[in-house]
Amino acid sequence: MTNAITLFEILKGRFGEEAAIAVVKEFEKSEAAAESKIEKAFEAKKEVLATKADIAIVKNDIVEVKSDLKGEIYALREDLSKMDGNLRTDMAKMEGRILTKMEVMNGLLLEKIAGSRSEIIKWMFIFWIGMVAMNFLTHYIK
């Protein structure tokens, strides 16, 4: 308002009272329009701009999420540890079963080898007897 009065006084001496009033009114209108534009722009950006309270809320949310994630990670580690223990136990049991089966198979294989061995010795003896008989017969029958 002080600017309008000062402007009026300056213009009154130079252009006359009526012209000064008209210019001051136009000045006030443009000033009001500018304030309105500034206010609208502020209102539009007010929703986008973060205040200290907004930042504090976001910080609290981050702290809560971080805490929740730590808890979930800890729970996952515990689950993995249990699963690892169970897996190791299952593997040890399976290893025991495999070793038992291998021992049984080894025993069966040894039995078959022993049986084959006696068969081979039997047939070798029969072959030697046959060879001796052939030599004897071919040597003395002539």
Protein backbone atom coordinates (compact mmCIF):
# COMPACT_ATOMS: atom_id res chain seq x y z
CA MET A 1 0.00 0.00 0.00
CA THR A 2 2.85 2.41 0.73
CA ASN A 3 4.20 1.84 -2.76
CA ALA A 4 0.82 2.79 -4.26
CA ILE A 5 0.70 6.08 -2.29
CA THR A 6 4.27 6.97 -3.24
CA LEU A 7 3.58 6.07 -6.86
CA PHE A 8 0.39 8.18 -6.78
CA GLU A 9 2.27 11.21 -5.44
CA ILE A 10 4.97 10.87 -8.11
CA LEU A 11 2.51 10.45 -10.96
CA LYS A 12 0.09 13.17 -9.72
CA GLY A 13 2.71 15.90 -10.08
CA ARG A 14 3.68 14.78 -13.53
CA PHE A 15 0.47 13.54 -15.25
CA GLY A 16 -2.34 14.89 -13.12
CA GLU A 17 -4.61 13.36 -10.53
CA GLU A 18 -6.90 11.35 -12.82
CA ALA A 19 -4.07 9.77 -14.79
CA ALA A 20 -2.22 9.00 -11.52
CA ILE A 21 -5.36 7.31 -10.07
CA ALA A 22 -5.78 5.20 -13.22
CA VAL A 23 -2.14 4.08 -13.24
CA VAL A 24 -2.21 3.28 -9.49
CA LYS A 25 -5.42 1.21 -9.96
CA GLU A 26 -3.81 -0.74 -12.81
CA PHE A 27 -0.70 -1.19 -10.69
CA GLU A 28 -2.81 -2.55 -7.81
CA LYS A 29 -4.66 -4.90 -10.19
CA SER A 30 -1.42 -6.27 -11.62
CA GLU A 31 -0.01 -6.59 -8.10
CA ALA A 32 -3.12 -8.55 -7.01
CA ALA A 33 -2.88 -10.77 -10.11
CA ALA A 34 0.79 -11.45 -9.40
CA GLU A 35 0.01 -12.34 -5.77
CA SER A 36 -2.77 -14.64 -6.96
CA LYS A 37 -0.41 -16.39 -9.38
CA ILE A 38 2.21 -16.75 -6.67
CA GLU A 39 -0.36 -18.16 -4.25
CA LYS A 40 -1.67 -20.63 -6.84
CA ALA A 41 1.86 -21.76 -7.66
CA PHE A 42 2.60 -22.22 -3.95
CA GLU A 43 -0.60 -24.22 -3.43
CA ALA A 44 0.26 -26.44 -6.39
CA LYS A 45 3.77 -27.10 -5.15
CA LYS A 46 2.82 -27.35 -1.50
CA GLU A 47 1.59 -30.92 -2.10
CA VAL A 48 4.88 -31.88 -3.74
CA LEU A 49 7.32 -30.24 -1.35
CA ALA A 50 8.33 -32.16 1.76
CA THR A 51 8.21 -30.53 5.13
CA LYS A 52 10.32 -31.42 8.14
CA ALA A 53 7.37 -33.40 9.48
CA ASP A 54 7.12 -35.33 6.21
CA ILE A 55 10.83 -36.11 6.32
CA ALA A 56 10.56 -37.24 9.94
CA ILE A 57 7.70 -39.59 9.02
CA VAL A 58 9.72 -41.04 6.15
CA LYS A 59 12.73 -41.51 8.44
CA ASN A 60 10.56 -43.35 10.95
CA ASP A 61 9.14 -45.53 8.19
CA ILE A 62 12.66 -46.35 7.01
CA VAL A 63 13.71 -47.28 10.55
CA GLU A 64 10.65 -49.54 10.91
CA VAL A 65 11.26 -51.22 7.56
CA LYS A 66 14.93 -51.67 8.39
CA SER A 67 14.02 -53.25 11.72
CA ASP A 68 11.44 -55.53 10.07
CA LEU A 69 13.97 -56.59 7.44
CA LYS A 70 16.56 -57.39 10.11
CA GLY A 71 14.00 -59.57 11.87
CA GLU A 72 13.04 -61.33 8.66
CA ILE A 73 16.69 -61.89 7.73
CA TYR A 74 17.37 -63.32 11.19
CA ALA A 75 14.36 -65.65 10.84
CA LEU A 76 15.53 -66.74 7.38
CA ARG A 77 19.00 -67.47 8.74
CA GLU A 78 17.49 -69.59 11.50
CA ASP A 79 15.35 -71.46 8.96
CA LEU A 80 18.37 -72.03 6.73
CA SER A 81 20.36 -73.26 9.71
CA LYS A 82 17.62 -75.75 10.60
CA MET A 83 17.35 -76.86 6.99
CA ASP A 84 21.12 -77.29 6.85
CA GLY A 85 21.03 -79.42 10.01
CA ASN A 86 18.18 -81.53 8.65
CA LEU A 87 19.95 -81.92 5.32
CA ARG A 88 23.15 -83.02 7.00
CA THR A 89 21.25 -85.54 9.12
CA ASP A 90 19.43 -86.91 6.07
CA MET A 91 22.71 -87.13 4.16
CA ALA A 92 24.35 -89.03 7.03
CA LYS A 93 21.44 -91.50 7.13
CA MET A 94 21.60 -91.95 3.37
CA GLU A 95 25.34 -92.45 3.51
CA GLY A 96 24.83 -95.17 6.13
CA ARG A 97 22.25 -96.93 3.95
CA ILE A 98 24.50 -96.69 0.90
CA LEU A 99 27.47 -98.10 2.83
CA THR A 100 25.32 -100.97 4.11
CA LYS A 101 24.12 -101.77 0.59
CA MET A 102 27.70 -101.57 -0.71
CA GLU A 103 28.86 -104.01 1.97
CA VAL A 104 26.06 -106.42 1.02
CA MET A 105 26.93 -106.10 -2.67
CA ASN A 106 30.63 -106.58 -1.87
CA GLY A 107 29.81 -109.77 0.02
CA LEU A 108 27.69 -111.08 -2.87
CA LEU A 109 30.44 -110.22 -5.33
CA LEU A 110 33.04 -112.03 -3.23
CA GLU A 111 30.77 -115.10 -3.07
CA LYS A 112 30.36 -115.07 -6.85
CA ILE A 113 34.11 -114.68 -7.33
CA ALA A 114 34.76 -117.56 -4.95
CA GLY A 115 32.19 -119.69 -6.76
CA SER A 116 33.70 -118.83 -10.12
CA ARG A 117 37.15 -119.58 -8.81
CA SER A 118 36.21 -123.09 -7.75
CA GLU A 119 34.52 -123.66 -11.12
CA ILE A 120 37.63 -122.49 -12.94
CA ILE A 121 39.86 -124.75 -10.83
CA LYS A 122 37.50 -127.70 -11.50
CA TRP A 123 37.57 -127.13 -15.28
CA MET A 124 41.32 -126.59 -15.26
CA PHE A 125 41.76 -129.92 -13.47
CA ILE A 126 39.51 -131.64 -16.01
CA PHE A 127 41.49 -130.02 -18.85
CA TRP A 128 44.84 -131.13 -17.34
CA ILE A 129 43.54 -134.66 -16.85
CA GLY A 130 42.36 -134.66 -20.46
CA MET A 131 45.71 -133.35 -21.67
CA VAL A 132 47.64 -135.94 -19.65
CA ALA A 133 45.33 -138.70 -20.92
CA MET A 134 45.77 -137.53 -24.52
CA ASN A 135 49.55 -137.40 -24.13
CA PHE A 136 49.54 -140.81 -22.49
CA LEU A 137 47.29 -142.32 -25.12
CA THR A 138 49.12 -140.76 -28.05
CA HIS A 139 52.48 -141.77 -26.66
CA TYR A 140 51.69 -145.38 -25.72
CA ILE A 141 49.13 -146.34 -28.35
CA LYS A 142 51.37 -146.04 -31.31
